[in-house]
Amino acid sequence: MDRQHIGSAQPARLRVEARAVAGGAELLVPVGELDHHTAELLRAPLDAALDAGRARLVVDCAELGFCDSTGLNVLLAARLRAEAADGGVHLVAMRPAVARVFRITGAEAVFTVHETLATALPGSG
């Protein structure tokens, strides 16, 4: 499995692990805060996965403590690209503060949301 760590000048703000998983999917694990300062740290691996032909993107949000509108827009853009390639963006284990952003904007209706990683990964139902 291919692993990448994408850092920043402020590594405590957001770290993203990205790796290919079974079934041609890409698992992304953002840790920290997703906002206008750190959005590119998630956009880059999302785009790289899509460019590599992995249209099913699984974003494990269990360690994502914050997401603002810029972060939401990064995920929405990835969703559009993934769906154009017959895939999708699956969000997993959103914390209450992050889930709230998706709920109040109505964005939760356009993503597939899973309680656990096991249900989001290909072949696990």
N, C-alpha and C. Protein backbone atom coordinates (compact mmCIF):
# COMPACT_ATOMS: atom_id res chain seq x y z
N MET A 1 0.84 -1.19 0.00
CA MET A 1 0.00 0.00 0.00
C MET A 1 0.88 1.25 0.00
N ASP A 2 0.47 2.19 -0.78
CA ASP A 2 1.22 3.42 -0.96
C ASP A 2 0.77 4.44 0.09
N ARG A 3 1.69 4.99 0.85
CA ARG A 3 1.34 5.98 1.87
C ARG A 3 2.03 7.30 1.58
N GLN A 4 1.31 8.38 1.85
CA GLN A 4 1.88 9.71 1.70
C GLN A 4 1.51 10.51 2.95
N HIS A 5 2.44 11.30 3.40
CA HIS A 5 2.12 12.25 4.46
C HIS A 5 2.37 13.63 3.88
N ILE A 6 1.38 14.48 4.00
CA ILE A 6 1.50 15.81 3.45
C ILE A 6 1.51 16.77 4.63
N GLY A 7 2.58 17.51 4.78
CA GLY A 7 2.72 18.37 5.94
C GLY A 7 2.57 19.83 5.58
N SER A 8 2.76 20.67 6.55
CA SER A 8 2.67 22.11 6.33
C SER A 8 3.67 22.80 7.25
N ALA A 9 3.74 24.10 7.13
CA ALA A 9 4.60 24.86 8.02
C ALA A 9 4.07 24.78 9.45
N GLN A 10 2.79 24.49 9.58
CA GLN A 10 2.17 24.34 10.90
C GLN A 10 1.61 22.92 11.00
N PRO A 11 2.47 21.92 11.23
CA PRO A 11 2.03 20.54 11.18
C PRO A 11 0.93 20.20 12.18
N ALA A 12 0.79 20.97 13.22
CA ALA A 12 -0.26 20.68 14.20
C ALA A 12 -1.65 21.04 13.67
N ARG A 13 -1.73 21.87 12.65
CA ARG A 13 -3.03 22.31 12.12
C ARG A 13 -3.76 21.22 11.36
N LEU A 14 -3.09 20.57 10.39
CA LEU A 14 -3.72 19.50 9.61
C LEU A 14 -2.64 18.60 9.04
N ARG A 15 -2.88 17.32 9.18
CA ARG A 15 -2.03 16.29 8.57
C ARG A 15 -2.98 15.36 7.82
N VAL A 16 -2.60 14.93 6.64
CA VAL A 16 -3.45 14.05 5.84
C VAL A 16 -2.65 12.82 5.42
N GLU A 17 -3.16 11.66 5.77
CA GLU A 17 -2.59 10.40 5.29
C GLU A 17 -3.48 9.93 4.15
N ALA A 18 -2.86 9.52 3.05
CA ALA A 18 -3.61 9.03 1.90
C ALA A 18 -2.99 7.72 1.45
N ARG A 19 -3.86 6.73 1.17
CA ARG A 19 -3.35 5.45 0.67
C ARG A 19 -4.43 4.74 -0.11
N ALA A 20 -3.98 4.02 -1.13
CA ALA A 20 -4.89 3.19 -1.91
C ALA A 20 -5.31 2.00 -1.05
N VAL A 21 -6.56 1.61 -1.17
CA VAL A 21 -7.08 0.45 -0.45
C VAL A 21 -7.75 -0.49 -1.44
N ALA A 22 -8.14 -1.64 -0.96
CA ALA A 22 -8.76 -2.66 -1.81
C ALA A 22 -9.95 -2.08 -2.58
N GLY A 23 -10.18 -2.62 -3.74
CA GLY A 23 -11.32 -2.20 -4.54
C GLY A 23 -11.08 -0.93 -5.34
N GLY A 24 -9.84 -0.47 -5.42
CA GLY A 24 -9.54 0.71 -6.21
C GLY A 24 -9.91 2.03 -5.55
N ALA A 25 -10.17 2.00 -4.27
CA ALA A 25 -10.54 3.22 -3.54
C ALA A 25 -9.30 3.90 -2.97
N GLU A 26 -9.49 5.12 -2.54
CA GLU A 26 -8.45 5.88 -1.85
C GLU A 26 -8.97 6.23 -0.48
N LEU A 27 -8.21 5.92 0.56
CA LEU A 27 -8.56 6.29 1.93
C LEU A 27 -7.74 7.51 2.31
N LEU A 28 -8.45 8.55 2.76
CA LEU A 28 -7.79 9.77 3.21
C LEU A 28 -8.16 9.99 4.67
N VAL A 29 -7.17 10.29 5.48
CA VAL A 29 -7.40 10.49 6.91
C VAL A 29 -6.85 11.86 7.30
N PRO A 30 -7.71 12.89 7.30
CA PRO A 30 -7.26 14.20 7.76
C PRO A 30 -7.30 14.27 9.29
N VAL A 31 -6.24 14.80 9.86
CA VAL A 31 -6.14 14.94 11.31
C VAL A 31 -5.87 16.39 11.63
N GLY A 32 -6.79 17.01 12.37
CA GLY A 32 -6.61 18.41 12.75
C GLY A 32 -7.76 19.28 12.30
N GLU A 33 -7.43 20.46 11.78
CA GLU A 33 -8.43 21.45 11.40
C GLU A 33 -8.36 21.72 9.91
N LEU A 34 -9.51 21.62 9.25
CA LEU A 34 -9.62 21.86 7.82
C LEU A 34 -10.27 23.22 7.62
N ASP A 35 -9.46 24.19 7.19
CA ASP A 35 -9.98 25.54 6.99
C ASP A 35 -9.25 26.20 5.83
N HIS A 36 -9.46 27.49 5.65
CA HIS A 36 -8.87 28.16 4.49
C HIS A 36 -7.34 28.14 4.50
N HIS A 37 -6.73 27.96 5.67
CA HIS A 37 -5.26 27.89 5.76
C HIS A 37 -4.73 26.52 5.40
N THR A 38 -5.54 25.48 5.58
CA THR A 38 -5.06 24.11 5.43
C THR A 38 -5.76 23.33 4.32
N ALA A 39 -6.72 23.93 3.65
CA ALA A 39 -7.54 23.22 2.66
C ALA A 39 -6.70 22.57 1.56
N GLU A 40 -5.64 23.22 1.14
CA GLU A 40 -4.80 22.68 0.07
C GLU A 40 -4.16 21.35 0.49
N LEU A 41 -3.96 21.16 1.78
CA LEU A 41 -3.36 19.92 2.27
C LEU A 41 -4.29 18.72 2.09
N LEU A 42 -5.58 18.97 1.96
CA LEU A 42 -6.52 17.89 1.63
C LEU A 42 -6.82 17.88 0.14
N ARG A 43 -6.91 19.06 -0.46
CA ARG A 43 -7.21 19.13 -1.90
C ARG A 43 -6.17 18.37 -2.72
N ALA A 44 -4.90 18.53 -2.40
CA ALA A 44 -3.83 17.90 -3.19
C ALA A 44 -3.95 16.37 -3.24
N PRO A 45 -4.10 15.67 -2.11
CA PRO A 45 -4.23 14.21 -2.20
C PRO A 45 -5.57 13.75 -2.80
N LEU A 46 -6.63 14.53 -2.62
CA LEU A 46 -7.89 14.21 -3.28
C LEU A 46 -7.71 14.27 -4.79
N ASP A 47 -7.12 15.35 -5.27
CA ASP A 47 -6.89 15.51 -6.70
C ASP A 47 -5.94 14.43 -7.23
N ALA A 48 -4.91 14.11 -6.47
CA ALA A 48 -3.95 13.08 -6.89
C ALA A 48 -4.64 11.73 -7.04
N ALA A 49 -5.51 11.39 -6.11
CA ALA A 49 -6.24 10.12 -6.18
C ALA A 49 -7.14 10.09 -7.41
N LEU A 50 -7.85 11.18 -7.63
CA LEU A 50 -8.74 11.26 -8.80
C LEU A 50 -7.93 11.21 -10.10
N ASP A 51 -6.80 11.90 -10.14
CA ASP A 51 -5.94 11.90 -11.32
C ASP A 51 -5.40 10.50 -11.60
N ALA A 52 -5.24 9.69 -10.53
CA ALA A 52 -4.72 8.32 -10.67
C ALA A 52 -5.83 7.31 -11.01
N GLY A 53 -7.06 7.82 -11.15
CA GLY A 53 -8.16 6.95 -11.54
C GLY A 53 -8.93 6.33 -10.39
N ARG A 54 -8.66 6.76 -9.18
CA ARG A 54 -9.41 6.24 -8.03
C ARG A 54 -10.58 7.18 -7.77
N ALA A 55 -11.78 6.76 -8.21
CA ALA A 55 -12.95 7.63 -8.14
C ALA A 55 -13.76 7.42 -6.86
N ARG A 56 -13.47 6.36 -6.10
CA ARG A 56 -14.13 6.17 -4.81
C ARG A 56 -13.18 6.69 -3.73
N LEU A 57 -13.56 7.80 -3.12
CA LEU A 57 -12.74 8.44 -2.10
C LEU A 57 -13.42 8.26 -0.75
N VAL A 58 -12.70 7.68 0.19
CA VAL A 58 -13.21 7.46 1.53
C VAL A 58 -12.43 8.39 2.46
N VAL A 59 -13.14 9.33 3.08
CA VAL A 59 -12.49 10.30 3.96
C VAL A 59 -12.89 9.97 5.39
N ASP A 60 -11.92 9.48 6.16
CA ASP A 60 -12.14 9.12 7.56
C ASP A 60 -12.01 10.40 8.39
N CYS A 61 -13.13 10.91 8.88
CA CYS A 61 -13.18 12.19 9.60
C CYS A 61 -13.07 12.05 11.11
N ALA A 62 -12.73 10.87 11.60
CA ALA A 62 -12.72 10.62 13.05
C ALA A 62 -11.79 11.57 13.81
N GLU A 63 -10.72 12.02 13.16
CA GLU A 63 -9.76 12.91 13.82
C GLU A 63 -9.80 14.33 13.28
N LEU A 64 -10.83 14.63 12.51
CA LEU A 64 -11.00 15.98 11.99
C LEU A 64 -11.80 16.78 13.00
N GLY A 65 -11.16 17.74 13.63
CA GLY A 65 -11.79 18.49 14.71
C GLY A 65 -12.59 19.70 14.27
N PHE A 66 -12.32 20.18 13.03
CA PHE A 66 -12.98 21.40 12.57
C PHE A 66 -12.98 21.40 11.05
N CYS A 67 -14.06 21.91 10.47
CA CYS A 67 -14.14 22.09 9.02
C CYS A 67 -14.94 23.35 8.75
N ASP A 68 -14.34 24.30 8.01
CA ASP A 68 -15.06 25.51 7.65
C ASP A 68 -15.57 25.42 6.21
N SER A 69 -16.10 26.50 5.69
CA SER A 69 -16.69 26.48 4.35
C SER A 69 -15.66 26.18 3.27
N THR A 70 -14.43 26.58 3.46
CA THR A 70 -13.39 26.28 2.48
C THR A 70 -13.13 24.78 2.43
N GLY A 71 -13.04 24.16 3.59
CA GLY A 71 -12.87 22.71 3.65
C GLY A 71 -14.05 21.99 3.02
N LEU A 72 -15.24 22.47 3.31
CA LEU A 72 -16.44 21.88 2.73
C LEU A 72 -16.40 21.99 1.21
N ASN A 73 -15.97 23.13 0.69
CA ASN A 73 -15.88 23.32 -0.75
C ASN A 73 -14.85 22.40 -1.40
N VAL A 74 -13.76 22.10 -0.70
CA VAL A 74 -12.77 21.14 -1.21
C VAL A 74 -13.43 19.78 -1.37
N LEU A 75 -14.19 19.37 -0.37
CA LEU A 75 -14.86 18.07 -0.44
C LEU A 75 -15.96 18.05 -1.50
N LEU A 76 -16.69 19.16 -1.64
CA LEU A 76 -17.73 19.24 -2.67
C LEU A 76 -17.12 19.16 -4.08
N ALA A 77 -16.00 19.83 -4.29
CA ALA A 77 -15.34 19.78 -5.59
C ALA A 77 -14.85 18.37 -5.90
N ALA A 78 -14.29 17.70 -4.89
CA ALA A 78 -13.84 16.32 -5.08
C ALA A 78 -15.03 15.42 -5.40
N ARG A 79 -16.15 15.67 -4.76
CA ARG A 79 -17.37 14.89 -5.00
C ARG A 79 -17.81 15.03 -6.46
N LEU A 80 -17.80 16.24 -6.98
CA LEU A 80 -18.20 16.45 -8.37
C LEU A 80 -17.29 15.70 -9.33
N ARG A 81 -15.99 15.78 -9.10
CA ARG A 81 -15.03 15.07 -9.96
C ARG A 81 -15.21 13.56 -9.83
N ALA A 82 -15.39 13.07 -8.60
CA ALA A 82 -15.55 11.63 -8.38
C ALA A 82 -16.82 11.12 -9.06
N GLU A 83 -17.91 11.86 -8.91
CA GLU A 83 -19.16 11.43 -9.52
C GLU A 83 -19.09 11.46 -11.04
N ALA A 84 -18.36 12.40 -11.60
CA ALA A 84 -18.18 12.45 -13.05
C ALA A 84 -17.43 11.22 -13.55
N ALA A 85 -16.67 10.58 -12.67
CA ALA A 85 -15.92 9.37 -13.01
C ALA A 85 -16.63 8.12 -12.48
N ASP A 86 -17.94 8.24 -12.22
CA ASP A 86 -18.76 7.13 -11.71
C ASP A 86 -18.31 6.65 -10.33
N GLY A 87 -17.84 7.57 -9.51
CA GLY A 87 -17.43 7.24 -8.15
C GLY A 87 -18.19 8.09 -7.16
N GLY A 88 -17.55 8.40 -6.06
CA GLY A 88 -18.17 9.23 -5.04
C GLY A 88 -17.24 9.48 -3.89
N VAL A 89 -17.66 10.38 -3.01
CA VAL A 89 -16.93 10.68 -1.79
C VAL A 89 -17.75 10.15 -0.63
N HIS A 90 -17.12 9.31 0.18
CA HIS A 90 -17.75 8.71 1.34
C HIS A 90 -17.10 9.29 2.59
N LEU A 91 -17.90 9.88 3.45
CA LEU A 91 -17.41 10.48 4.69
C LEU A 91 -17.69 9.52 5.84
N VAL A 92 -16.73 9.38 6.73
CA VAL A 92 -16.82 8.41 7.81
C VAL A 92 -16.59 9.06 9.16
N ALA A 93 -17.40 8.67 10.13
CA ALA A 93 -17.18 8.98 11.54
C ALA A 93 -16.98 10.48 11.81
N MET A 94 -17.92 11.29 11.29
CA MET A 94 -17.79 12.73 11.51
C MET A 94 -18.07 13.09 12.97
N ARG A 95 -17.20 13.90 13.54
CA ARG A 95 -17.41 14.41 14.88
C ARG A 95 -18.56 15.42 14.85
N PRO A 96 -19.20 15.66 15.99
CA PRO A 96 -20.35 16.57 16.01
C PRO A 96 -20.09 17.95 15.42
N ALA A 97 -18.95 18.56 15.70
CA ALA A 97 -18.67 19.91 15.18
C ALA A 97 -18.56 19.90 13.66
N VAL A 98 -18.00 18.85 13.10
CA VAL A 98 -17.86 18.75 11.64
C VAL A 98 -19.21 18.39 11.03
N ALA A 99 -19.89 17.44 11.62
CA ALA A 99 -21.21 17.03 11.11
C ALA A 99 -22.17 18.21 11.08
N ARG A 100 -22.05 19.11 12.04
CA ARG A 100 -22.93 20.27 12.12
C ARG A 100 -22.79 21.16 10.89
N VAL A 101 -21.58 21.37 10.41
CA VAL A 101 -21.34 22.18 9.22
C VAL A 101 -22.05 21.55 8.02
N PHE A 102 -21.95 20.25 7.90
CA PHE A 102 -22.60 19.56 6.79
C PHE A 102 -24.12 19.61 6.92
N ARG A 103 -24.60 19.51 8.15
CA ARG A 103 -26.04 19.53 8.40
C ARG A 103 -26.64 20.90 8.12
N ILE A 104 -26.04 21.96 8.63
CA ILE A 104 -26.64 23.29 8.47
C ILE A 104 -26.53 23.82 7.05
N THR A 105 -25.56 23.31 6.29
CA THR A 105 -25.44 23.74 4.90
C THR A 105 -26.23 22.85 3.94
N GLY A 106 -26.69 21.73 4.45
CA GLY A 106 -27.40 20.77 3.62
C GLY A 106 -26.47 19.87 2.84
N ALA A 107 -25.17 20.01 3.03
CA ALA A 107 -24.20 19.22 2.27
C ALA A 107 -24.24 17.74 2.63
N GLU A 108 -24.73 17.41 3.81
CA GLU A 108 -24.77 15.99 4.18
C GLU A 108 -25.66 15.20 3.22
N ALA A 109 -26.59 15.85 2.58
CA ALA A 109 -27.51 15.17 1.66
C ALA A 109 -26.82 14.74 0.36
N VAL A 110 -25.69 15.35 0.01
CA VAL A 110 -25.03 15.01 -1.24
C VAL A 110 -23.83 14.09 -1.08
N PHE A 111 -23.50 13.76 0.16
CA PHE A 111 -22.41 12.82 0.43
C PHE A 111 -22.98 11.52 0.98
N THR A 112 -22.26 10.44 0.79
CA THR A 112 -22.59 9.20 1.46
C THR A 112 -21.85 9.23 2.79
N VAL A 113 -22.60 9.15 3.88
CA VAL A 113 -22.01 9.25 5.21
C VAL A 113 -22.12 7.89 5.90
N HIS A 114 -21.02 7.46 6.50
CA HIS A 114 -20.94 6.18 7.19
C HIS A 114 -20.55 6.40 8.64
N GLU A 115 -21.08 5.55 9.49
CA GLU A 115 -20.71 5.61 10.92
C GLU A 115 -19.31 5.04 11.15
N THR A 116 -18.97 3.97 10.41
CA THR A 116 -17.69 3.30 10.63
C THR A 116 -16.93 3.14 9.33
N LEU A 117 -15.64 3.00 9.44
CA LEU A 117 -14.78 2.80 8.29
C LEU A 117 -15.10 1.49 7.60
N ALA A 118 -15.42 0.47 8.37
CA ALA A 118 -15.71 -0.84 7.79
C ALA A 118 -16.86 -0.78 6.79
N THR A 119 -17.87 0.03 7.05
CA THR A 119 -19.01 0.10 6.13
C THR A 119 -18.70 0.97 4.91
N ALA A 120 -17.67 1.79 4.97
CA ALA A 120 -17.35 2.69 3.86
C ALA A 120 -16.39 2.08 2.85
N LEU A 121 -15.62 1.10 3.28
CA LEU A 121 -14.63 0.51 2.38
C LEU A 121 -15.28 -0.44 1.40
N PRO A 122 -14.77 -0.50 0.18
CA PRO A 122 -15.34 -1.37 -0.84
C PRO A 122 -15.41 -2.82 -0.36
N GLY A 123 -16.53 -3.46 -0.69
CA GLY A 123 -16.70 -4.87 -0.35
C GLY A 123 -17.15 -5.14 1.07
N SER A 124 -17.37 -4.07 1.85
CA SER A 124 -17.77 -4.30 3.24
C SER A 124 -19.23 -3.95 3.49
N GLY A 125 -19.91 -3.40 2.46
CA GLY A 125 -21.35 -3.13 2.56
C GLY A 125 -21.63 -1.91 3.29
